[in-house]
Amino acid sequence: MTRLLTHSDLLALLDPAACLDVLAEGFRTADEVSIAGQRVRTDLPFPGTATALVPGLLPGVEAYTVKVNAKFPAARPALRGVICLYSGVDGELLALLDSATVTAWRTGLAAALGTHALAAPDPAGTAVLGVVGAGAQAELMVRGLRALRRFSALAVYDTDADRAADFAARHDGRVSGAAADVAAQADVVLLATWSRTPLLGLADTRPGQHLTTLGADEPGKQELAADLLENALLVVDDRELAASMGALAAAGLPAAAADATLGEVLRGEHPGRAGAPATTRTVYAPVGLPWQDLALARLAHQEAERRGLGGAVDLLG
């Protein structure tokens, strides 16, 4: 039987702390898999794009994922699709999961891990958090970060003023008038937009600041200018992907421009901010990797089986 896990099912099944744990372990171990994940994107004869991520693999896990997404910027939600979770033993289709939910959770929480690893230590919780783009991924980034560290205040900007106001109300923050205003106030800045022109450059930031950019996840999208990326300690999730369709590609920079991957930082192979002066700007610029879909899909499926949640269907019947 194939378990069907909807948006509502996944919200009942997924726990941020458990998700953070499996994502952190994935960053430390995913490079042990000899088969590289692929990310395939194509334009459509409609106002959207299609993306497939295959296969999602992790060492020691006898399962894999295939994800197919449609991205239509004017739609709500803008991302729709499905994640297929397959058995690695016999190819059985174990589950079909709503990809918009899993993608928001794995992207936002993985970004929270990268942000926490690279932002300046702040045991007193005096830092200000800034958000540019108040969508689903920003929601999960903030939830994940607040599970890892404290902040004294939050500033948020979105081109949709009502969405920014709603986000600020949910997270006890205040609305700002522009991306640059957020950067002027915040010590840690999270960007998750559809922008195709840089929202922040070097002059908009200050020494010691950290920025995480999620918007550059396909060709043509860009949130941070090249001069900022070139003058920061730059960490990505995958160098080649970042250079072919991520933040490096958008800025015209090669794979070698990335100082490290987050896996290297979490494994202690690169010191991250700890090895740099306190005045160093840090940037985390992920694209998103197939194994992250597997990490959360498997977690949700195991919990659904344990609790008997979600519908079930025999697709071969």
C-alpha atoms as a PDB file:
ATOM      1  CA  MET A   1       0.000   0.000   0.000  1.00  0.00           C
ATOM      2  CA  THR A   2       1.084   3.571  -0.740  1.00  0.00           C
ATOM      3  CA  ARG A   3       0.476   6.089   2.042  1.00  0.00           C
ATOM      4  CA  LEU A   4      -0.884   9.485   0.922  1.00  0.00           C
ATOM      5  CA  LEU A   5       0.352  12.381   3.061  1.00  0.00           C
ATOM      6  CA  THR A   6      -1.325  15.735   2.514  1.00  0.00           C
ATOM      7  CA  HIS A   7      -0.339  19.187   3.752  1.00  0.00           C
ATOM      8  CA  SER A   8      -2.471  18.735   6.880  1.00  0.00           C
ATOM      9  CA  ASP A   9      -1.070  15.259   7.519  1.00  0.00           C
ATOM     10  CA  LEU A  10       2.486  16.530   7.268  1.00  0.00           C
ATOM     11  CA  LEU A  11       1.853  19.418   9.662  1.00  0.00           C
ATOM     12  CA  ALA A  12       0.600  16.867  12.193  1.00  0.00           C
ATOM     13  CA  LEU A  13       3.538  14.507  11.607  1.00  0.00           C
ATOM     14  CA  LEU A  14       6.582  16.771  11.313  1.00  0.00           C
ATOM     15  CA  ASP A  15       8.377  18.116  14.368  1.00  0.00           C
ATOM     16  CA  PRO A  16      10.943  20.933  13.871  1.00  0.00           C
ATOM     17  CA  ALA A  17      13.452  19.522  16.374  1.00  0.00           C
ATOM     18  CA  ALA A  18      13.385  16.046  14.815  1.00  0.00           C
ATOM     19  CA  CYS A  19      13.680  17.560  11.330  1.00  0.00           C
ATOM     20  CA  LEU A  20      16.678  19.656  12.379  1.00  0.00           C
ATOM     21  CA  ASP A  21      18.352  16.523  13.742  1.00  0.00           C
ATOM     22  CA  VAL A  22      17.962  14.462  10.554  1.00  0.00           C
ATOM     23  CA  LEU A  23      18.999  17.393   8.349  1.00  0.00           C
ATOM     24  CA  ALA A  24      22.144  18.029  10.409  1.00  0.00           C
ATOM     25  CA  GLU A  25      23.050  14.341  10.177  1.00  0.00           C
ATOM     26  CA  GLY A  26      22.407  14.446   6.440  1.00  0.00           C
ATOM     27  CA  PHE A  27      24.781  17.364   5.914  1.00  0.00           C
ATOM     28  CA  ARG A  28      27.464  15.467   7.793  1.00  0.00           C
ATOM     29  CA  THR A  29      27.045  12.165   5.895  1.00  0.00           C
ATOM     30  CA  ALA A  30      25.393  12.752   2.487  1.00  0.00           C
ATOM     31  CA  ASP A  31      28.734  13.084   0.684  1.00  0.00           C
ATOM     32  CA  GLU A  32      29.371   9.391   1.425  1.00  0.00           C
ATOM     33  CA  VAL A  33      26.803   8.434  -1.238  1.00  0.00           C
ATOM     34  CA  SER A  34      28.575   7.707  -4.529  1.00  0.00           C
ATOM     35  CA  ILE A  35      25.591   8.562  -6.757  1.00  0.00           C
ATOM     36  CA  ALA A  36      25.126  12.307  -7.110  1.00  0.00           C
ATOM     37  CA  GLY A  37      21.652  13.767  -6.923  1.00  0.00           C
ATOM     38  CA  GLN A  38      20.406  15.581 -10.016  1.00  0.00           C
ATOM     39  CA  ARG A  39      18.314  18.727 -10.284  1.00  0.00           C
ATOM     40  CA  VAL A  40      16.584  19.169 -13.641  1.00  0.00           C
ATOM     41  CA  ARG A  41      14.673  22.351 -14.465  1.00  0.00           C
ATOM     42  CA  THR A  42      12.802  23.389 -17.589  1.00  0.00           C
ATOM     43  CA  ASP A  43      10.736  26.334 -18.753  1.00  0.00           C
ATOM     44  CA  LEU A  44       7.144  25.617 -19.774  1.00  0.00           C
ATOM     45  CA  PRO A  45       4.833  27.089 -22.440  1.00  0.00           C
ATOM     46  CA  PHE A  46       2.869  28.494 -19.481  1.00  0.00           C
ATOM     47  CA  PRO A  47       3.768  31.143 -16.871  1.00  0.00           C
ATOM     48  CA  GLY A  48       5.794  28.695 -14.784  1.00  0.00           C
ATOM     49  CA  THR A  49       8.647  26.197 -14.611  1.00  0.00           C
ATOM     50  CA  ALA A  50       9.000  22.501 -13.826  1.00  0.00           C
ATOM     51  CA  THR A  51      11.740  21.029 -11.633  1.00  0.00           C
ATOM     52  CA  ALA A  52      12.639  17.436 -10.776  1.00  0.00           C
ATOM     53  CA  LEU A  53      15.066  16.282  -8.074  1.00  0.00           C
ATOM     54  CA  VAL A  54      16.276  12.676  -8.279  1.00  0.00           C
ATOM     55  CA  PRO A  55      17.415  10.519  -6.553  1.00  0.00           C
ATOM     56  CA  GLY A  56      17.282  11.560  -2.909  1.00  0.00           C
ATOM     57  CA  LEU A  57      19.763   9.217  -1.215  1.00  0.00           C
ATOM     58  CA  LEU A  58      21.419   8.954   2.193  1.00  0.00           C
ATOM     59  CA  PRO A  59      24.003   6.418   3.430  1.00  0.00           C
ATOM     60  CA  GLY A  60      22.481   3.481   5.272  1.00  0.00           C
ATOM     61  CA  VAL A  61      18.918   4.331   4.186  1.00  0.00           C
ATOM     62  CA  GLU A  62      17.206   1.708   1.997  1.00  0.00           C
ATOM     63  CA  ALA A  63      14.867   4.186   0.329  1.00  0.00           C
ATOM     64  CA  TYR A  64      15.043   7.038  -2.150  1.00  0.00           C
ATOM     65  CA  THR A  65      12.915   9.958  -3.324  1.00  0.00           C
ATOM     66  CA  VAL A  66      11.899  11.521  -6.615  1.00  0.00           C
ATOM     67  CA  LYS A  67      10.374  15.011  -6.492  1.00  0.00           C
ATOM     68  CA  VAL A  68       8.516  16.837  -9.257  1.00  0.00           C
ATOM     69  CA  ASN A  69       7.504  20.460  -8.714  1.00  0.00           C
ATOM     70  CA  ALA A  70       5.623  23.084 -10.688  1.00  0.00           C
ATOM     71  CA  LYS A  71       6.547  26.700  -9.873  1.00  0.00           C
ATOM     72  CA  PHE A  72       4.014  29.353 -10.872  1.00  0.00           C
ATOM     73  CA  PRO A  73       4.950  32.665  -9.188  1.00  0.00           C
ATOM     74  CA  ALA A  74       1.463  34.185  -9.414  1.00  0.00           C
ATOM     75  CA  ALA A  75      -0.247  31.178  -7.800  1.00  0.00           C
ATOM     76  CA  ARG A  76      -0.842  30.611  -4.092  1.00  0.00           C
ATOM     77  CA  PRO A  77       0.923  28.428  -3.208  1.00  0.00           C
ATOM     78  CA  ALA A  78       3.504  29.188  -5.886  1.00  0.00           C
ATOM     79  CA  LEU A  79       5.039  25.724  -5.621  1.00  0.00           C
ATOM     80  CA  ARG A  80       2.982  22.556  -6.104  1.00  0.00           C
ATOM     81  CA  GLY A  81       3.998  18.982  -6.659  1.00  0.00           C
ATOM     82  CA  VAL A  82       4.620  15.568  -5.214  1.00  0.00           C
ATOM     83  CA  ILE A  83       7.432  13.635  -3.579  1.00  0.00           C
ATOM     84  CA  CYS A  84       7.542   9.891  -4.232  1.00  0.00           C
ATOM     85  CA  LEU A  85       9.196   7.819  -1.510  1.00  0.00           C
ATOM     86  CA  TYR A  86      10.356   4.445  -2.830  1.00  0.00           C
ATOM     87  CA  SER A  87      11.739   1.363  -1.124  1.00  0.00           C
ATOM     88  CA  GLY A  88      15.350   0.722  -2.045  1.00  0.00           C
ATOM     89  CA  VAL A  89      14.783  -3.020  -1.556  1.00  0.00           C
ATOM     90  CA  ASP A  90      12.089  -3.719  -4.145  1.00  0.00           C
ATOM     91  CA  GLY A  91      11.052  -0.329  -5.564  1.00  0.00           C
ATOM     92  CA  GLU A  92       7.684  -0.283  -3.767  1.00  0.00           C
ATOM     93  CA  LEU A  93       6.110   3.186  -3.743  1.00  0.00           C
ATOM     94  CA  LEU A  94       5.893   3.713   0.009  1.00  0.00           C
ATOM     95  CA  ALA A  95       4.370   7.173   0.061  1.00  0.00           C
ATOM     96  CA  LEU A  96       3.199  10.161  -1.967  1.00  0.00           C
ATOM     97  CA  LEU A  97       3.760  13.418  -0.086  1.00  0.00           C
ATOM     98  CA  ASP A  98       2.773  17.029  -0.765  1.00  0.00           C
ATOM     99  CA  SER A  99       6.028  18.548  -1.990  1.00  0.00           C
ATOM    100  CA  ALA A 100       5.152  22.166  -1.150  1.00  0.00           C
ATOM    101  CA  THR A 101       5.043  21.311   2.546  1.00  0.00           C
ATOM    102  CA  VAL A 102       8.119  19.090   2.600  1.00  0.00           C
ATOM    103  CA  THR A 103      10.085  21.586   0.477  1.00  0.00           C
ATOM    104  CA  ALA A 104       9.227  24.517   2.748  1.00  0.00           C
ATOM    105  CA  TRP A 105      10.197  22.537   5.848  1.00  0.00           C
ATOM    106  CA  ARG A 106      13.426  21.059   4.547  1.00  0.00           C
ATOM    107  CA  THR A 107      14.524  24.300   2.865  1.00  0.00           C
ATOM    108  CA  GLY A 108      13.671  26.576   5.757  1.00  0.00           C
ATOM    109  CA  LEU A 109      15.061  24.320   8.470  1.00  0.00           C
ATOM    110  CA  ALA A 110      18.245  23.491   6.521  1.00  0.00           C
ATOM    111  CA  ALA A 111      18.734  27.233   6.079  1.00  0.00           C
ATOM    112  CA  ALA A 112      18.265  27.689   9.820  1.00  0.00           C
ATOM    113  CA  LEU A 113      21.077  25.168  10.404  1.00  0.00           C
ATOM    114  CA  GLY A 114      23.380  27.026   8.025  1.00  0.00           C
ATOM    115  CA  THR A 115      22.498  30.375   9.536  1.00  0.00           C
ATOM    116  CA  HIS A 116      23.124  29.159  13.079  1.00  0.00           C
ATOM    117  CA  ALA A 117      26.456  27.616  12.065  1.00  0.00           C
ATOM    118  CA  LEU A 118      27.728  30.813  10.413  1.00  0.00           C
ATOM    119  CA  ALA A 119      26.195  33.733  12.301  1.00  0.00           C
ATOM    120  CA  ALA A 120      28.218  35.298  15.105  1.00  0.00           C
ATOM    121  CA  PRO A 121      27.726  33.604  18.495  1.00  0.00           C
ATOM    122  CA  ASP A 122      25.200  35.500  20.604  1.00  0.00           C
ATOM    123  CA  PRO A 123      24.619  33.718  23.925  1.00  0.00           C
ATOM    124  CA  ALA A 124      22.840  36.750  25.378  1.00  0.00           C
ATOM    125  CA  GLY A 125      20.308  36.820  22.544  1.00  0.00           C
ATOM    126  CA  THR A 126      20.792  40.513  21.768  1.00  0.00           C
ATOM    127  CA  ALA A 127      20.969  40.180  17.965  1.00  0.00           C
ATOM    128  CA  VAL A 128      18.207  41.447  15.682  1.00  0.00           C
ATOM    129  CA  LEU A 129      16.800  39.069  13.055  1.00  0.00           C
ATOM    130  CA  GLY A 130      15.780  40.402   9.652  1.00  0.00           C
ATOM    131  CA  VAL A 131      13.484  38.743   7.090  1.00  0.00           C
ATOM    132  CA  VAL A 132      13.094  39.754   3.438  1.00  0.00           C
ATOM    133  CA  GLY A 133      10.261  37.803   1.833  1.00  0.00           C
ATOM    134  CA  ALA A 134       7.571  36.660   4.272  1.00  0.00           C
ATOM    135  CA  GLY A 135       6.573  33.355   2.679  1.00  0.00           C
ATOM    136  CA  ALA A 136       6.509  29.732   3.780  1.00  0.00           C
ATOM    137  CA  GLN A 137      10.271  29.243   3.693  1.00  0.00           C
ATOM    138  CA  ALA A 138      10.889  32.322   5.838  1.00  0.00           C
ATOM    139  CA  GLU A 139       8.299  30.997   8.293  1.00  0.00           C
ATOM    140  CA  LEU A 140      10.251  27.763   8.740  1.00  0.00           C
ATOM    141  CA  MET A 141      13.616  29.551   8.853  1.00  0.00           C
ATOM    142  CA  VAL A 142      12.437  31.699  11.746  1.00  0.00           C
ATOM    143  CA  ARG A 143      10.868  28.751  13.577  1.00  0.00           C
ATOM    144  CA  GLY A 144      14.031  26.708  13.121  1.00  0.00           C
ATOM    145  CA  LEU A 145      16.378  29.503  14.144  1.00  0.00           C
ATOM    146  CA  ARG A 146      14.397  30.281  17.272  1.00  0.00           C
ATOM    147  CA  ALA A 147      14.810  26.630  18.263  1.00  0.00           C
ATOM    148  CA  LEU A 148      18.581  27.108  17.984  1.00  0.00           C
ATOM    149  CA  ARG A 149      19.182  30.635  19.354  1.00  0.00           C
ATOM    150  CA  ARG A 150      17.452  33.725  20.722  1.00  0.00           C
ATOM    151  CA  PHE A 151      16.908  37.132  19.130  1.00  0.00           C
ATOM    152  CA  SER A 152      15.962  40.447  20.728  1.00  0.00           C
ATOM    153  CA  ALA A 153      13.780  41.683  17.849  1.00  0.00           C
ATOM    154  CA  LEU A 154      12.627  40.902  14.307  1.00  0.00           C
ATOM    155  CA  ALA A 155      12.274  43.187  11.273  1.00  0.00           C
ATOM    156  CA  VAL A 156      10.419  42.015   8.158  1.00  0.00           C
ATOM    157  CA  TYR A 157       9.863  43.322   4.637  1.00  0.00           C
ATOM    158  CA  ASP A 158       7.758  41.901   1.814  1.00  0.00           C
ATOM    159  CA  THR A 159       6.480  43.468  -1.389  1.00  0.00           C
ATOM    160  CA  ASP A 160       3.036  42.402  -0.145  1.00  0.00           C
ATOM    161  CA  ALA A 161       2.455  44.736   2.808  1.00  0.00           C
ATOM    162  CA  ASP A 162      -0.374  42.643   4.244  1.00  0.00           C
ATOM    163  CA  ARG A 163       1.747  39.498   4.199  1.00  0.00           C
ATOM    164  CA  ALA A 164       4.583  41.363   5.928  1.00  0.00           C
ATOM    165  CA  ALA A 165       2.166  42.632   8.588  1.00  0.00           C
ATOM    166  CA  ASP A 166       0.767  39.146   9.183  1.00  0.00           C
ATOM    167  CA  PHE A 167       4.278  37.698   9.469  1.00  0.00           C
ATOM    168  CA  ALA A 168       5.320  40.423  11.929  1.00  0.00           C
ATOM    169  CA  ALA A 169       2.220  39.812  14.032  1.00  0.00           C
ATOM    170  CA  ARG A 170       2.853  36.054  14.196  1.00  0.00           C
ATOM    171  CA  HIS A 171       6.488  36.468  15.180  1.00  0.00           C
ATOM    172  CA  ASP A 172       6.312  39.559  17.401  1.00  0.00           C
ATOM    173  CA  GLY A 173       8.245  41.681  14.897  1.00  0.00           C
ATOM    174  CA  ARG A 174       7.927  44.991  13.102  1.00  0.00           C
ATOM    175  CA  VAL A 175       7.476  45.829   9.423  1.00  0.00           C
ATOM    176  CA  SER A 176      10.210  47.631   7.486  1.00  0.00           C
ATOM    177  CA  GLY A 177       9.839  49.596   4.261  1.00  0.00           C
ATOM    178  CA  ALA A 178      12.542  47.973   2.120  1.00  0.00           C
ATOM    179  CA  ALA A 179      15.142  45.206   2.044  1.00  0.00           C
ATOM    180  CA  ALA A 180      17.893  47.738   2.728  1.00  0.00           C
ATOM    181  CA  ASP A 181      16.010  48.941   5.837  1.00  0.00           C
ATOM    182  CA  VAL A 182      15.943  45.374   7.157  1.00  0.00           C
ATOM    183  CA  ALA A 183      19.689  44.985   6.538  1.00  0.00           C
ATOM    184  CA  ALA A 184      20.380  48.285   8.329  1.00  0.00           C
ATOM    185  CA  GLN A 185      18.639  47.018  11.484  1.00  0.00           C
ATOM    186  CA  ALA A 186      19.467  43.318  11.565  1.00  0.00           C
ATOM    187  CA  ASP A 187      22.528  41.336  12.576  1.00  0.00           C
ATOM    188  CA  VAL A 188      21.216  38.229  10.772  1.00  0.00           C
ATOM    189  CA  VAL A 189      19.287  38.642   7.509  1.00  0.00           C
ATOM    190  CA  LEU A 190      17.193  35.902   5.857  1.00  0.00           C
ATOM    191  CA  LEU A 191      16.105  36.383   2.229  1.00  0.00           C
ATOM    192  CA  ALA A 192      13.524  34.169   0.514  1.00  0.00           C
ATOM    193  CA  THR A 193      12.040  35.959  -2.512  1.00  0.00           C
ATOM    194  CA  TRP A 194      11.449  35.599  -6.256  1.00  0.00           C
ATOM    195  CA  SER A 195      13.773  38.508  -7.056  1.00  0.00           C
ATOM    196  CA  ARG A 196      15.701  38.548 -10.339  1.00  0.00           C
ATOM    197  CA  THR A 197      17.753  41.623  -9.450  1.00  0.00           C
ATOM    198  CA  PRO A 198      19.984  42.008  -6.364  1.00  0.00           C
ATOM    199  CA  LEU A 199      18.149  43.266  -3.299  1.00  0.00           C
ATOM    200  CA  LEU A 200      21.314  43.880  -1.252  1.00  0.00           C
ATOM    201  CA  GLY A 201      24.890  44.753  -2.148  1.00  0.00           C
ATOM    202  CA  LEU A 202      28.053  45.212  -0.108  1.00  0.00           C
ATOM    203  CA  ALA A 203      27.194  48.835   0.704  1.00  0.00           C
ATOM    204  CA  ASP A 204      23.874  47.736   2.258  1.00  0.00           C
ATOM    205  CA  THR A 205      25.579  45.480   4.801  1.00  0.00           C
ATOM    206  CA  ARG A 206      28.107  45.892   7.595  1.00  0.00           C
ATOM    207  CA  PRO A 207      31.083  43.945   8.967  1.00  0.00           C
ATOM    208  CA  GLY A 208      30.203  40.937  11.094  1.00  0.00           C
ATOM    209  CA  GLN A 209      26.744  40.548   9.606  1.00  0.00           C
ATOM    210  CA  HIS A 210      25.357  37.215   8.363  1.00  0.00           C
ATOM    211  CA  LEU A 211      23.015  36.746   5.397  1.00  0.00           C
ATOM    212  CA  THR A 212      21.221  33.627   4.159  1.00  0.00           C
ATOM    213  CA  THR A 213      19.810  33.758   0.630  1.00  0.00           C
ATOM    214  CA  LEU A 214      17.245  31.173  -0.459  1.00  0.00           C
ATOM    215  CA  GLY A 215      15.883  32.929  -3.531  1.00  0.00           C
ATOM    216  CA  ALA A 216      18.680  31.955  -5.925  1.00  0.00           C
ATOM    217  CA  ASP A 217      17.494  28.378  -6.391  1.00  0.00           C
ATOM    218  CA  GLU A 218      17.202  28.403 -10.200  1.00  0.00           C
ATOM    219  CA  PRO A 219      18.752  30.329 -13.119  1.00  0.00           C
ATOM    220  CA  GLY A 220      17.934  34.024 -13.282  1.00  0.00           C
ATOM    221  CA  LYS A 221      17.014  34.522  -9.631  1.00  0.00           C
ATOM    222  CA  GLN A 222      19.316  36.736  -7.560  1.00  0.00           C
ATOM    223  CA  GLU A 223      19.048  38.376  -4.135  1.00  0.00           C
ATOM    224  CA  LEU A 224      22.666  39.333  -3.320  1.00  0.00           C
ATOM    225  CA  ALA A 225      25.030  41.314  -5.567  1.00  0.00           C
ATOM    226  CA  ALA A 226      28.381  39.952  -6.716  1.00  0.00           C
ATOM    227  CA  ASP A 227      30.391  42.506  -4.676  1.00  0.00           C
ATOM    228  CA  LEU A 228      28.777  41.212  -1.475  1.00  0.00           C
ATOM    229  CA  LEU A 229      29.409  37.546  -2.317  1.00  0.00           C
ATOM    230  CA  GLU A 230      33.033  38.297  -3.258  1.00  0.00           C
ATOM    231  CA  ASN A 231      33.692  40.081   0.038  1.00  0.00           C
ATOM    232  CA  ALA A 232      32.084  37.560   2.363  1.00  0.00           C
ATOM    233  CA  LEU A 233      32.931  34.141   3.729  1.00  0.00           C
ATOM    234  CA  LEU A 234      30.647  32.290   1.315  1.00  0.00           C
ATOM    235  CA  VAL A 235      29.223  28.860   2.145  1.00  0.00           C
ATOM    236  CA  VAL A 236      26.944  26.831  -0.158  1.00  0.00           C
ATOM    237  CA  ASP A 237      25.325  23.397  -0.021  1.00  0.00           C
ATOM    238  CA  ASP A 238      26.880  22.228  -3.323  1.00  0.00           C
ATOM    239  CA  ARG A 239      29.562  24.141  -5.227  1.00  0.00           C
ATOM    240  CA  GLU A 240      28.695  22.919  -8.718  1.00  0.00           C
ATOM    241  CA  LEU A 241      24.971  23.496  -8.304  1.00  0.00           C
ATOM    242  CA  ALA A 242      25.558  26.966  -6.882  1.00  0.00           C
ATOM    243  CA  ALA A 243      27.742  27.766  -9.897  1.00  0.00           C
ATOM    244  CA  SER A 244      25.336  26.343 -12.470  1.00  0.00           C
ATOM    245  CA  MET A 245      21.974  27.603 -11.213  1.00  0.00           C
ATOM    246  CA  GLY A 246      22.372  29.213  -7.791  1.00  0.00           C
ATOM    247  CA  ALA A 247      23.770  32.382  -6.237  1.00  0.00           C
ATOM    248  CA  LEU A 248      27.196  31.977  -7.842  1.00  0.00           C
ATOM    249  CA  ALA A 249      25.698  31.582 -11.323  1.00  0.00           C
ATOM    250  CA  ALA A 250      23.500  34.650 -10.883  1.00  0.00           C
ATOM    251  CA  ALA A 251      26.541  36.721  -9.889  1.00  0.00           C
ATOM    252  CA  GLY A 252      28.761  35.320 -12.632  1.00  0.00           C
ATOM    253  CA  LEU A 253      31.103  33.627 -10.157  1.00  0.00           C
ATOM    254  CA  PRO A 254      32.760  30.187 -10.466  1.00  0.00           C
ATOM    255  CA  ALA A 255      32.369  27.239  -8.116  1.00  0.00           C
ATOM    256  CA  ALA A 256      35.754  28.086  -6.602  1.00  0.00           C
ATOM    257  CA  ALA A 257      34.296  31.331  -5.241  1.00  0.00           C
ATOM    258  CA  ALA A 258      32.574  29.325  -2.495  1.00  0.00           C
ATOM    259  CA  ASP A 259      34.802  29.018   0.563  1.00  0.00           C
ATOM    260  CA  ALA A 260      33.115  25.876   1.874  1.00  0.00           C
ATOM    261  CA  THR A 261      30.004  23.729   1.861  1.00  0.00           C
ATOM    262  CA  LEU A 262      27.800  23.498   4.929  1.00  0.00           C
ATOM    263  CA  GLY A 263      28.669  19.807   5.166  1.00  0.00           C
ATOM    264  CA  GLU A 264      32.357  20.712   5.441  1.00  0.00           C
ATOM    265  CA  VAL A 265      31.572  23.217   8.192  1.00  0.00           C
ATOM    266  CA  LEU A 266      29.376  20.831  10.199  1.00  0.00           C
ATOM    267  CA  ARG A 267      31.964  18.038   9.875  1.00  0.00           C
ATOM    268  CA  GLY A 268      34.686  20.393  11.139  1.00  0.00           C
ATOM    269  CA  GLU A 269      36.614  20.286   7.855  1.00  0.00           C
ATOM    270  CA  HIS A 270      36.288  24.073   7.521  1.00  0.00           C
ATOM    271  CA  PRO A 271      36.205  26.390  10.565  1.00  0.00           C
ATOM    272  CA  GLY A 272      33.475  28.660   9.187  1.00  0.00           C
ATOM    273  CA  ARG A 273      33.186  31.950  11.052  1.00  0.00           C
ATOM    274  CA  ALA A 274      35.339  30.595  13.884  1.00  0.00           C
ATOM    275  CA  GLY A 275      38.379  30.776  11.606  1.00  0.00           C
ATOM    276  CA  ALA A 276      37.705  34.333  10.418  1.00  0.00           C
ATOM    277  CA  PRO A 277      37.959  37.809  11.977  1.00  0.00           C
ATOM    278  CA  ALA A 278      34.907  39.060  13.869  1.00  0.00           C
ATOM    279  CA  THR A 279      34.407  41.701  11.181  1.00  0.00           C
ATOM    280  CA  THR A 280      33.880  39.091   8.460  1.00  0.00           C
ATOM    281  CA  ARG A 281      30.563  39.063   6.654  1.00  0.00           C
ATOM    282  CA  THR A 282      29.208  35.538   6.175  1.00  0.00           C
ATOM    283  CA  VAL A 283      26.742  34.317   3.552  1.00  0.00           C
ATOM    284  CA  TYR A 284      24.947  30.988   3.258  1.00  0.00           C
ATOM    285  CA  ALA A 285      23.626  30.447  -0.281  1.00  0.00           C
ATOM    286  CA  PRO A 286      22.049  26.998  -0.752  1.00  0.00           C
ATOM    287  CA  VAL A 287      20.257  25.677  -3.824  1.00  0.00           C
ATOM    288  CA  GLY A 288      18.570  22.642  -2.219  1.00  0.00           C
ATOM    289  CA  LEU A 289      19.601  18.985  -2.505  1.00  0.00           C
ATOM    290  CA  PRO A 290      17.608  15.790  -3.222  1.00  0.00           C
ATOM    291  CA  TRP A 291      18.744  14.008  -0.061  1.00  0.00           C
ATOM    292  CA  GLN A 292      16.951  16.647   2.030  1.00  0.00           C
ATOM    293  CA  ASP A 293      13.637  15.485   0.551  1.00  0.00           C
ATOM    294  CA  LEU A 294      14.450  11.918   1.576  1.00  0.00           C
ATOM    295  CA  ALA A 295      15.405  12.922   5.111  1.00  0.00           C
ATOM    296  CA  LEU A 296      12.035  14.537   5.829  1.00  0.00           C
ATOM    297  CA  ALA A 297       9.880  12.236   3.672  1.00  0.00           C
ATOM    298  CA  ARG A 298      11.264   9.179   5.460  1.00  0.00           C
ATOM    299  CA  LEU A 299      10.749  10.813   8.852  1.00  0.00           C
ATOM    300  CA  ALA A 300       7.127  11.670   7.985  1.00  0.00           C
ATOM    301  CA  HIS A 301       6.437   8.199   6.574  1.00  0.00           C
ATOM    302  CA  GLN A 302       7.826   6.426   9.632  1.00  0.00           C
ATOM    303  CA  GLU A 303       5.713   8.570  11.934  1.00  0.00           C
ATOM    304  CA  ALA A 304       2.624   8.097   9.753  1.00  0.00           C
ATOM    305  CA  GLU A 305       3.071   4.322   9.898  1.00  0.00           C
ATOM    306  CA  ARG A 306       3.486   4.450  13.663  1.00  0.00           C
ATOM    307  CA  ARG A 307       0.411   6.639  14.184  1.00  0.00           C
ATOM    308  CA  GLY A 308      -1.734   5.349  11.337  1.00  0.00           C
ATOM    309  CA  LEU A 309      -2.145   8.793   9.777  1.00  0.00           C
ATOM    310  CA  GLY A 310      -2.750   9.576   6.120  1.00  0.00           C
ATOM    311  CA  GLY A 311      -4.764   7.738   3.519  1.00  0.00           C
ATOM    312  CA  ALA A 312      -3.603   4.571   1.791  1.00  0.00           C
ATOM    313  CA  VAL A 313      -4.131   3.313  -1.716  1.00  0.00           C
ATOM    314  CA  ASP A 314      -3.118   0.223  -3.684  1.00  0.00           C
ATOM    315  CA  LEU A 315      -1.916   1.716  -6.980  1.00  0.00           C
ATOM    316  CA  LEU A 316      -1.440  -1.788  -8.410  1.00  0.00           C
ATOM    317  CA  GLY A 317      -4.961  -2.870  -7.528  1.00  0.00           C
END
